[in-house]
Amino acid sequence: MFVQTVVVWGSAHPHASHSNKNYPIQVAGEKVLGFKHGNLHSYEGENKVTLANLFVSMLNAVDAPVEKFADSSGEMTELAG
């Protein structure tokens, strides 16, 4: 039943200023979907990506293929296992 399930957990606004930077996000999904487990990724500075890239990766993992979502620049390939 949960073979094609991806769960995203995070905060609506991690800062009192409602900044859209440095959101703590956790992703859980079946290994069969192709996610690499047990990793911590930091997307700051030169590694900065939009949250929309995560949504592109999730949609593609559950067989709802998209190339772009909102302001994404593609998939987050480092999440793939």
Protein backbone atom coordinates (compact mmCIF):
# COMPACT_ATOMS: atom_id res chain seq x y z
CA MET A 1 0.00 0.00 0.00
CA PHE A 2 2.81 2.44 0.80
CA VAL A 3 5.16 1.31 -1.96
CA GLN A 4 4.70 4.55 -3.89
CA THR A 5 4.44 6.87 -0.90
CA VAL A 6 6.68 9.85 -0.24
CA VAL A 7 6.29 11.89 2.94
CA VAL A 8 7.64 15.43 3.27
CA TRP A 9 7.83 16.97 6.70
CA GLY A 10 8.88 20.52 7.35
CA SER A 11 8.05 23.83 8.88
CA ALA A 12 5.73 26.41 7.35
CA HIS A 13 8.05 29.24 8.43
CA PRO A 14 11.14 28.30 10.44
CA HIS A 15 11.91 31.93 11.29
CA ALA A 16 9.84 34.65 12.94
CA SER A 17 10.57 36.87 9.94
CA HIS A 18 8.81 34.40 7.59
CA SER A 19 12.01 34.15 5.58
CA ASN A 20 12.04 31.61 2.77
CA LYS A 21 15.65 30.58 3.49
CA ASN A 22 17.06 27.59 5.37
CA TYR A 23 13.90 25.52 5.66
CA PRO A 24 14.41 22.28 7.59
CA ILE A 25 12.80 19.54 5.48
CA GLN A 26 12.69 15.77 5.96
CA VAL A 27 11.79 13.34 3.20
CA ALA A 28 10.84 9.70 3.70
CA GLY A 29 10.08 7.29 0.90
CA GLU A 30 10.35 3.65 -0.02
CA LYS A 31 13.75 2.61 -1.31
CA VAL A 32 11.98 1.07 -4.31
CA LEU A 33 11.19 4.66 -5.41
CA GLY A 34 14.90 5.25 -5.79
CA PHE A 35 15.62 7.49 -2.81
CA LYS A 36 18.95 7.24 -1.04
CA HIS A 37 18.34 6.80 2.70
CA GLY A 38 20.25 8.08 5.72
CA ASN A 39 21.74 11.25 4.28
CA LEU A 40 21.83 14.89 5.29
CA HIS A 41 22.05 17.48 2.53
CA SER A 42 22.70 21.18 2.92
CA TYR A 43 21.57 23.47 0.13
CA GLU A 44 23.17 26.78 1.00
CA GLY A 45 25.53 29.06 -0.86
CA GLU A 46 26.61 27.53 -4.16
CA ASN A 47 24.47 24.44 -3.46
CA LYS A 48 21.28 26.51 -3.21
CA VAL A 49 18.25 25.03 -4.98
CA THR A 50 14.55 25.78 -4.84
CA LEU A 51 12.10 23.62 -2.91
CA ALA A 52 10.33 23.08 -6.23
CA ASN A 53 13.26 20.84 -7.27
CA LEU A 54 12.32 18.48 -4.43
CA PHE A 55 8.75 18.35 -5.71
CA VAL A 56 9.97 17.51 -9.23
CA SER A 57 12.03 14.63 -7.80
CA MET A 58 9.10 13.36 -5.75
CA LEU A 59 6.63 13.50 -8.64
CA ASN A 60 9.01 11.65 -10.94
CA ALA A 61 9.63 9.00 -8.25
CA VAL A 62 5.93 8.15 -8.00
CA ASP A 63 5.43 7.87 -11.77
CA ALA A 64 3.89 11.32 -12.24
CA PRO A 65 6.62 12.57 -14.58
CA VAL A 66 7.28 16.29 -14.84
CA GLU A 67 10.26 18.24 -16.13
CA LYS A 68 9.45 21.43 -14.28
CA PHE A 69 7.36 22.60 -11.33
CA ALA A 70 7.00 26.28 -10.39
CA ASP A 71 10.52 27.78 -10.37
CA SER A 72 12.40 24.47 -10.42
CA SER A 73 15.55 23.90 -12.40
CA GLY A 74 15.15 20.11 -12.49
CA GLU A 75 15.47 17.09 -10.22
CA MET A 76 17.62 16.78 -7.11
CA THR A 77 19.77 13.94 -8.44
CA GLU A 78 21.72 13.61 -5.18
CA LEU A 79 18.60 12.13 -3.56
CA ALA A 80 18.56 9.21 -5.98
CA GLY A 81 19.95 5.93 -4.77
